[in-house]
Amino acid sequence: MKPYVICLMHASLDGRTHPSRWRPKGAGTDWFEKIHDELGGDAWVIGRVTGSEFAKGKAYPATDAKVPRENWFARRDAKTYGVVLDAQGKIGWGRSDIGGDPIVVVLTESVSDSHLAGLRGEGVSYIFAGKSEIDLALTLDILNRELGVKRLLVEGGGVANGAFLRAGLIDEFNLILSPAIDGAKGAPFVFDSTDADGDRRAPLTAMTLESVRELGGGVLLLRYLIQNDPHAEST
C-alpha cells in the first residue's frame, strides 16, 4: 500500500525556501516544526542536498568487504523515521538519527560496497529502490511494507518535492506562507527539477483548498488536497 503523502513546506510570497534570504527577516520562521509535529507522520523524507545539511561525517573509507544489495535495518521500532534520498551514496553521516528519528537512506544498487559498510558501521538503515535511479513509488512501497509507514511527510528540497509531484505521489500539500519576499536569483523554490526533468509536468487533475489557517503575524497555513491522474505519464 502507498502511504498517504503530505508535502509540507515553508515559503516566502515568491515561493522561495531559504528564510535567511527573506526580507523582512524572521517572518514566521518558527512555525515549520510545530506544523510538522501536528501532521503526525510516521516518517519524513528529504533529498540529498537537504540531507547533507544534517550530516556530520566524511566519505566512508574504502573496504574490500562485499556487501549484498539487500535492504538493511538497524531499527524497526521507531515512532518516526527520517528518510533521505541519496541515490549514489554521497552522504557520510557521522550520526544515526536526526532529532531522535532514525535515518533511513534510499539508495540505488550502483552505490559502493564501502558506502554500505560505512552505513552499517554507523547504524544507519538503508533500502534499495532502483538500479541507478530512485523509483519513488517503489520507495513508498518498501517503507510501508518494511517499516509500517502509513503517513509520510515530504519536506524538500525543491528537487525532491518536484520529483514526488511529477510522479503523482503527493496527496496533500501544506504550505506555510510567510509575509516576506526573497526577490533575487539563486534561492531554491518549493517545487523544482533537475535540467533533465525541466520539461516534465505533474499529472495533477485538481487541487482543492481544504482550509486556510491564520498562524499570526500575517503567516498563513494553506492546506490543499491533490488529485492525480493515475493513468497519465508525466510529460
Foldseek 3Di string as FASTA:
>chain_A
DFAAEEEEAEAEPVQFGDQVLWPPHPFVPVCRVVVVVVLQFQEEEEEDVVVQVQADDAQFDDDPDDDDQAWDALDQPDSYAYEYEDAQLHTQHNAQGDPPHGYEYEYALNHDPRSVVSCVVRRHTYHYAYHRDHDVRSVRVCCCVRRVGRYYYYYYDQASVQVCQQVQNHFKYKYWYGHIDNPDPDGTGNHDHDPVCRPWAGQWDDKAFPDWDDPDPRIIITMIGTDGDPPDHTD
